[in-house]
Amino acid sequence: MKDHPILKAARGEKTDYTPIWIMRQAGRYSERYRKIRAQAGSFMELCKNPKLAAEVTLIPIEEIGIDAAILFSDILVPLEKMGIDVSFVEGKGPILEPKAEKLEDVEKLKIPEPEKDLPYVLETIQLIKKRLTDRPLIGFSGAPFTLASYMLEGGSSKNYIAAKSTMWNEPELWDALMSKLAETVIEYLSSQIKAGVDLIQIFDSWMGVLSKDDYEKFVFPYTERIVNELKKRYPEIPIIHFGVNAGHLLEVNNRLSVDVIGLDWKTEIPFALERIDKSIQGNLDPVTLFADEKIIEERVRKILIEGLKARGHIFNLGHGILPPTDPKKAKFLVDTVHKVSKELRG
């Protein structure tokens, strides 16, 4: 498995083609996924059902020939076991209660023990690994800032008023929350690695809303703590770090001991390569999959050519695949990446 192209690309080793996986690849664009989700009853119930979550994880392997599976779960799953009620409301997204507004609220939060508190996640990994013998399995977690934002805002946000004002005005509360989340993420990802995942992605989806100075001062140290501890425990496991609208943070994140930096579609690859020396992941605009196949192939070819100059390149979208996407276009994307990259790599 260590010679699989995704793992080699993460390590910066030569590959015969550019490997591809897609964020949210097991999702609502797939009719099979929609049927299984209906069977589970709700999104969170699906996350907690190892048999169904494993089945959903493998859909894109079987349907579109993707190069790696990613554990079907959600970044908010461990927060429930910290003492936060998480529910998903149609049209509104996640709702989290109670908000972590005071120091005593944070002190009440527990750091989950994954083997005891999140056994369904680990069982899902074990079930997937029994069936997925020829491709890597990606584990993941949210990063402290993105998780803290959900906990302070009580859900999704446009302006991050609660998160930013807490960060600036209440340093003791901020440090307590971010430290507790960092410890939670370390233990959660460690348990996934022990259960069998081959590489991990840390989603700091919302870090791009911060200025470089604020990110460097209030967020980066906690992510760095996670990465350093995981690299100490599991030096052979590649780590991908990803966030949206974060081109201005590339130079800061290049200091992380991660193997791969994920790029959104607005961050040009040549721009990124002037600022980082890691392998890259990305970065096709998800909406490109609504264009004609000729346009998709042109855009893919451009990204693949630019990616040849990187230490290593894993192809992906610049964010998650969109629910109305035609599955045939997703399959066309995978086939095109394989075909064109083989041709370019000779």
Protein backbone atom coordinates (compact mmCIF):
# COMPACT_ATOMS: atom_id res chain seq x y z
CA MET A 1 0.00 0.00 0.00
CA LYS A 2 2.85 2.42 0.71
CA ASP A 3 3.60 2.45 -3.04
CA HIS A 4 0.10 3.61 -3.99
CA PRO A 5 0.30 6.78 -6.16
CA ILE A 6 -1.61 8.92 -3.62
CA LEU A 7 0.83 8.06 -0.84
CA LYS A 8 3.82 8.50 -3.17
CA ALA A 9 2.52 11.89 -4.38
CA ALA A 10 2.03 12.97 -0.76
CA ARG A 11 5.66 12.05 -0.02
CA GLY A 12 6.89 13.84 -3.16
CA GLU A 13 7.88 10.65 -4.99
CA LYS A 14 7.48 10.10 -8.75
CA THR A 15 4.17 8.60 -9.95
CA ASP A 16 3.10 7.25 -13.36
CA TYR A 17 -0.10 9.31 -13.24
CA THR A 18 -1.69 11.97 -11.06
CA PRO A 19 -3.95 10.31 -8.48
CA ILE A 20 -7.37 11.79 -7.69
CA TRP A 21 -9.93 11.78 -4.92
CA ILE A 22 -12.78 14.26 -4.45
CA MET A 23 -13.94 16.03 -1.31
CA ARG A 24 -17.50 14.90 -0.46
CA GLN A 25 -17.09 12.10 -3.02
CA ALA A 26 -19.54 9.95 -1.03
CA GLY A 27 -22.41 12.40 -1.12
CA ARG A 28 -25.72 13.63 -2.43
CA TYR A 29 -24.78 13.64 -6.13
CA SER A 30 -24.96 9.80 -5.94
CA GLU A 31 -28.41 8.19 -6.11
CA ARG A 32 -27.12 5.19 -4.16
CA TYR A 33 -25.96 7.52 -1.38
CA ARG A 34 -29.38 9.20 -1.23
CA LYS A 35 -31.12 5.82 -0.87
CA ILE A 36 -28.78 4.68 1.91
CA ARG A 37 -29.14 8.00 3.75
CA ALA A 38 -32.95 7.64 3.59
CA GLN A 39 -32.59 4.12 4.98
CA ALA A 40 -30.45 5.43 7.89
CA GLY A 41 -33.08 8.05 8.80
CA SER A 42 -30.79 11.08 9.11
CA PHE A 43 -27.29 12.24 8.26
CA MET A 44 -25.98 11.81 11.83
CA GLU A 45 -27.59 8.37 12.13
CA LEU A 46 -25.81 7.37 8.93
CA CYS A 47 -22.48 8.56 10.42
CA LYS A 48 -23.14 6.36 13.47
CA ASN A 49 -24.09 3.20 11.54
CA PRO A 50 -20.79 1.43 10.70
CA LYS A 51 -22.28 -0.96 8.14
CA LEU A 52 -24.05 1.78 6.17
CA ALA A 53 -21.23 4.34 6.60
CA ALA A 54 -18.73 1.78 5.24
CA GLU A 55 -21.01 1.04 2.29
CA VAL A 56 -21.36 4.77 1.51
CA THR A 57 -17.58 5.27 1.78
CA LEU A 58 -17.02 2.70 -0.97
CA ILE A 59 -19.62 4.06 -3.44
CA PRO A 60 -17.18 6.36 -5.34
CA ILE A 61 -14.63 3.54 -5.63
CA GLU A 62 -17.25 1.37 -7.33
CA GLU A 63 -19.08 4.06 -9.31
CA ILE A 64 -16.40 6.49 -10.53
CA GLY A 65 -13.10 4.63 -10.04
CA ILE A 66 -11.57 7.12 -7.62
CA ASP A 67 -8.03 6.43 -6.29
CA ALA A 68 -8.76 6.59 -2.55
CA ALA A 69 -11.71 6.34 -0.19
CA ILE A 70 -12.36 8.91 2.52
CA LEU A 71 -14.08 7.84 5.71
CA PHE A 72 -17.76 8.80 5.64
CA SER A 73 -18.34 10.96 8.71
CA ASP A 74 -18.55 14.64 9.61
CA ILE A 75 -16.15 17.05 11.29
CA LEU A 76 -18.79 17.71 13.99
CA VAL A 77 -19.11 14.05 15.07
CA PRO A 78 -16.54 14.25 17.95
CA LEU A 79 -18.14 17.45 19.31
CA GLU A 80 -21.22 15.49 20.41
CA LYS A 81 -19.03 13.49 22.77
CA MET A 82 -17.53 16.68 24.18
CA GLY A 83 -21.00 17.59 25.47
CA ILE A 84 -22.44 19.58 22.54
CA ASP A 85 -25.78 18.72 20.97
CA VAL A 86 -25.39 18.68 17.16
CA SER A 87 -28.41 18.57 14.86
CA PHE A 88 -28.77 19.14 11.12
CA VAL A 89 -31.73 21.25 10.00
CA GLU A 90 -32.71 21.09 6.32
CA GLY A 91 -31.84 24.37 4.63
CA LYS A 92 -30.01 25.73 7.71
CA GLY A 93 -27.15 23.31 8.21
CA PRO A 94 -25.77 22.27 11.60
CA ILE A 95 -27.13 23.72 14.86
CA LEU A 96 -24.93 23.36 17.97
CA GLU A 97 -26.17 23.81 21.55
CA PRO A 98 -25.13 25.02 24.03
CA LYS A 99 -22.70 27.60 22.67
CA ALA A 100 -19.30 27.70 24.38
CA GLU A 101 -19.68 31.31 25.57
CA LYS A 102 -18.02 31.30 29.00
CA LEU A 103 -14.89 29.80 30.50
CA GLU A 104 -17.01 27.50 32.68
CA ASP A 105 -18.76 26.21 29.52
CA VAL A 106 -15.37 25.21 28.11
CA GLU A 107 -14.25 23.67 31.42
CA LYS A 108 -17.33 21.40 31.32
CA LEU A 109 -16.41 20.04 27.89
CA LYS A 110 -14.74 16.64 27.98
CA ILE A 111 -12.00 15.36 25.69
CA PRO A 112 -13.54 12.24 24.13
CA GLU A 113 -11.84 8.86 24.36
CA PRO A 114 -12.47 7.61 20.81
CA GLU A 115 -12.33 3.88 21.62
CA LYS A 116 -15.02 4.35 24.27
CA ASP A 117 -16.96 7.37 23.00
CA LEU A 118 -16.73 7.01 19.19
CA PRO A 119 -16.52 3.24 18.59
CA TYR A 120 -18.78 3.47 15.53
CA VAL A 121 -16.19 5.61 13.70
CA LEU A 122 -13.44 3.08 14.39
CA GLU A 123 -15.69 0.13 13.48
CA THR A 124 -16.54 1.87 10.18
CA ILE A 125 -12.80 2.16 9.40
CA GLN A 126 -12.25 -1.53 10.18
CA LEU A 127 -15.18 -2.59 7.96
CA ILE A 128 -13.90 -0.44 5.08
CA LYS A 129 -10.36 -1.81 5.39
CA LYS A 130 -11.65 -5.39 5.11
CA ARG A 131 -13.13 -4.57 1.70
CA LEU A 132 -10.73 -1.88 0.45
CA THR A 133 -7.53 -3.81 -0.16
CA ASP A 134 -6.01 -2.01 -3.16
CA ARG A 135 -6.45 1.70 -2.34
CA PRO A 136 -5.76 3.98 0.61
CA LEU A 137 -8.36 5.11 3.11
CA ILE A 138 -8.24 8.76 4.17
CA GLY A 139 -9.21 9.68 7.72
CA PHE A 140 -9.98 13.25 8.73
CA SER A 141 -10.90 15.79 11.36
CA GLY A 142 -11.82 19.43 11.53
CA ALA A 143 -9.09 21.77 12.81
CA PRO A 144 -9.54 23.67 16.09
CA PHE A 145 -10.46 27.03 14.53
CA THR A 146 -13.20 25.62 12.31
CA LEU A 147 -14.61 23.52 15.18
CA ALA A 148 -14.38 26.46 17.61
CA SER A 149 -16.22 28.67 15.12
CA TYR A 150 -19.15 26.24 14.99
CA MET A 151 -19.19 25.99 18.80
CA LEU A 152 -19.06 29.75 19.40
CA GLU A 153 -21.45 30.74 16.62
CA GLY A 154 -23.88 27.86 17.30
CA GLY A 155 -23.70 26.82 13.64
CA SER A 156 -22.51 28.14 10.30
CA SER A 157 -21.67 31.83 10.00
CA LYS A 158 -21.06 34.52 7.39
CA ASN A 159 -19.08 36.98 9.49
CA TYR A 160 -17.72 34.92 12.42
CA ILE A 161 -18.55 37.66 14.92
CA ALA A 162 -18.62 35.36 17.97
CA ALA A 163 -15.44 33.51 16.99
CA LYS A 164 -13.40 36.61 16.16
CA SER A 165 -14.59 38.69 19.11
CA THR A 166 -13.83 35.82 21.53
CA MET A 167 -10.39 35.44 19.96
CA TRP A 168 -9.64 39.14 20.45
CA ASN A 169 -11.49 39.97 23.69
CA GLU A 170 -11.24 36.78 25.76
CA PRO A 171 -7.78 35.26 25.33
CA GLU A 172 -8.15 32.91 28.32
CA LEU A 173 -11.43 31.47 27.01
CA TRP A 174 -9.99 31.23 23.49
CA ASP A 175 -6.86 29.38 24.63
CA ALA A 176 -8.88 26.99 26.83
CA LEU A 177 -11.24 26.12 23.96
CA MET A 178 -8.56 25.82 21.28
CA SER A 179 -6.29 23.74 23.56
CA LYS A 180 -9.13 21.36 24.39
CA LEU A 181 -10.01 21.03 20.71
CA ALA A 182 -6.36 20.45 19.76
CA GLU A 183 -6.17 17.60 22.28
CA THR A 184 -9.47 16.18 20.99
CA VAL A 185 -8.24 16.24 17.38
CA ILE A 186 -4.91 14.59 18.31
CA GLU A 187 -6.66 11.69 20.05
CA TYR A 188 -9.38 11.40 17.40
CA LEU A 189 -6.93 11.23 14.48
CA SER A 190 -4.59 8.92 16.42
CA SER A 191 -7.48 6.50 16.95
CA GLN A 192 -8.32 6.59 13.23
CA ILE A 193 -4.69 5.81 12.34
CA LYS A 194 -4.63 2.92 14.83
CA ALA A 195 -7.88 1.62 13.29
CA GLY A 196 -6.25 1.54 9.84
CA VAL A 197 -6.45 4.80 7.85
CA ASP A 198 -3.48 5.34 5.52
CA LEU A 199 -3.34 9.14 5.47
CA ILE A 200 -5.28 12.00 7.05
CA GLN A 201 -6.69 15.36 6.07
CA ILE A 202 -7.14 18.21 8.54
CA PHE A 203 -9.98 20.46 7.39
CA ASP A 204 -9.51 24.05 8.52
CA SER A 205 -12.32 25.01 6.19
CA TRP A 206 -12.89 28.52 7.54
CA MET A 207 -9.33 29.69 8.26
CA GLY A 208 -9.47 31.92 5.17
CA VAL A 209 -11.79 34.38 6.98
CA LEU A 210 -8.85 35.45 9.15
CA SER A 211 -6.11 37.95 8.36
CA LYS A 212 -2.59 36.55 8.19
CA ASP A 213 -1.68 38.21 11.51
CA ASP A 214 -4.73 36.85 13.34
CA TYR A 215 -4.27 33.37 11.89
CA GLU A 216 -0.59 33.28 12.83
CA LYS A 217 -1.22 34.50 16.38
CA PHE A 218 -4.53 32.89 17.36
CA VAL A 219 -4.87 29.71 15.25
CA PHE A 220 -1.62 28.42 13.76
CA PRO A 221 -0.02 27.37 17.10
CA TYR A 222 -2.87 24.93 17.84
CA THR A 223 -2.80 23.34 14.38
CA GLU A 224 0.99 23.09 14.65
CA ARG A 225 0.60 21.32 18.01
CA ILE A 226 -1.65 18.70 16.39
CA VAL A 227 0.61 18.13 13.39
CA ASN A 228 3.78 17.88 15.50
CA GLU A 229 2.23 15.37 17.89
CA LEU A 230 0.83 13.20 15.06
CA LYS A 231 4.18 13.25 13.23
CA LYS A 232 5.90 12.23 16.46
CA ARG A 233 3.50 9.31 16.98
CA TYR A 234 3.03 8.26 13.33
CA PRO A 235 5.86 9.67 11.17
CA GLU A 236 4.96 7.43 8.23
CA ILE A 237 1.35 8.70 7.89
CA PRO A 238 1.01 11.58 5.38
CA ILE A 239 -0.97 14.64 6.50
CA ILE A 240 -2.95 16.94 4.18
CA HIS A 241 -3.97 20.41 5.42
CA PHE A 242 -6.84 22.17 3.65
CA GLY A 243 -8.83 25.38 3.91
CA VAL A 244 -10.81 27.66 1.61
CA ASN A 245 -9.89 31.23 0.55
CA ALA A 246 -6.52 30.75 2.22
CA GLY A 247 -4.00 31.79 -0.44
CA HIS A 248 -2.79 34.58 1.86
CA LEU A 249 -1.91 31.98 4.52
CA LEU A 250 0.26 29.72 2.34
CA GLU A 251 3.61 30.96 3.66
CA VAL A 252 2.48 30.52 7.28
CA ASN A 253 1.10 27.02 6.62
CA ASN A 254 4.29 26.01 4.82
CA ARG A 255 5.85 25.98 8.32
CA LEU A 256 3.57 23.09 9.32
CA SER A 257 5.20 19.64 9.15
CA VAL A 258 2.42 18.46 6.84
CA ASP A 259 3.11 16.60 3.59
CA VAL A 260 0.43 18.18 1.41
CA ILE A 261 -1.30 21.56 1.27
CA GLY A 262 -4.75 21.56 -0.33
CA LEU A 263 -5.59 24.50 -2.58
CA ASP A 264 -9.02 25.94 -3.34
CA TRP A 265 -9.86 26.83 -6.95
CA LYS A 266 -9.13 30.53 -6.46
CA THR A 267 -5.51 29.90 -5.49
CA GLU A 268 -3.47 29.57 -8.67
CA ILE A 269 -0.96 26.70 -8.55
CA PRO A 270 2.02 28.82 -9.79
CA PHE A 271 1.21 31.40 -7.07
CA ALA A 272 1.15 28.61 -4.45
CA LEU A 273 4.40 27.02 -5.65
CA GLU A 274 6.24 30.33 -5.16
CA ARG A 275 5.23 30.18 -1.48
CA ILE A 276 5.30 26.51 -0.46
CA ASP A 277 7.60 23.53 -0.93
CA LYS A 278 5.08 20.79 -0.01
CA SER A 279 3.11 18.51 -2.30
CA ILE A 280 -0.15 20.09 -3.41
CA GLN A 281 -3.75 18.91 -3.69
CA GLY A 282 -6.41 20.38 -5.93
CA ASN A 283 -7.76 22.45 -7.38
CA LEU A 284 -10.56 22.36 -9.97
CA ASP A 285 -13.56 24.66 -9.38
CA PRO A 286 -16.41 22.27 -8.38
CA VAL A 287 -18.77 24.12 -10.76
CA THR A 288 -16.57 23.09 -13.72
CA LEU A 289 -18.38 19.73 -13.59
CA PHE A 290 -21.47 21.52 -14.95
CA ALA A 291 -19.53 22.56 -18.09
CA ASP A 292 -19.18 20.61 -21.35
CA GLU A 293 -16.68 17.75 -21.33
CA LYS A 294 -14.35 19.66 -23.67
CA ILE A 295 -14.11 22.52 -21.13
CA ILE A 296 -13.61 20.08 -18.25
CA GLU A 297 -10.74 18.43 -20.13
CA GLU A 298 -9.11 21.82 -20.91
CA ARG A 299 -9.29 22.91 -17.25
CA VAL A 300 -8.01 19.55 -16.02
CA ARG A 301 -5.08 19.62 -18.46
CA LYS A 302 -4.05 23.13 -17.29
CA ILE A 303 -4.05 22.05 -13.63
CA LEU A 304 -2.14 18.84 -14.41
CA ILE A 305 0.54 20.73 -16.37
CA GLU A 306 0.96 23.25 -13.52
CA GLY A 307 1.00 20.39 -11.00
CA LEU A 308 4.00 18.78 -12.71
CA LYS A 309 6.16 21.53 -11.18
CA ALA A 310 5.08 20.64 -7.64
CA ARG A 311 6.96 18.28 -5.32
CA GLY A 312 3.95 15.98 -5.72
CA HIS A 313 0.35 16.47 -6.91
CA ILE A 314 -2.91 14.86 -5.82
CA PHE A 315 -5.81 16.02 -8.00
CA ASN A 316 -9.00 17.14 -6.27
CA LEU A 317 -11.68 19.76 -6.55
CA GLY A 318 -11.01 23.07 -4.82
CA HIS A 319 -13.84 22.26 -2.37
CA GLY A 320 -16.57 19.61 -2.06
CA ILE A 321 -18.43 18.18 -5.05
CA LEU A 322 -21.85 19.85 -5.34
CA PRO A 323 -25.06 17.83 -4.80
CA PRO A 324 -26.60 18.54 -8.27
CA THR A 325 -23.47 17.25 -10.07
CA ASP A 326 -24.12 14.54 -12.67
CA PRO A 327 -22.28 11.36 -11.54
CA LYS A 328 -21.29 10.77 -15.19
CA LYS A 329 -19.33 14.05 -15.09
CA ALA A 330 -17.57 12.91 -11.89
CA LYS A 331 -16.58 9.67 -13.65
CA PHE A 332 -15.46 11.66 -16.70
CA LEU A 333 -13.28 13.80 -14.41
CA VAL A 334 -11.56 10.76 -12.88
CA ASP A 335 -10.99 9.13 -16.28
CA THR A 336 -9.69 12.40 -17.76
CA VAL A 337 -7.23 13.00 -14.90
CA HIS A 338 -5.87 9.47 -15.33
CA LYS A 339 -5.69 9.64 -19.14
CA VAL A 340 -4.19 13.13 -19.48
CA SER A 341 -1.71 12.75 -16.60
CA LYS A 342 -0.39 9.45 -18.02
CA GLU A 343 0.11 11.22 -21.36
CA LEU A 344 1.86 14.21 -19.70
CA ARG A 345 4.07 12.06 -17.50
CA GLY A 346 5.06 9.96 -20.51
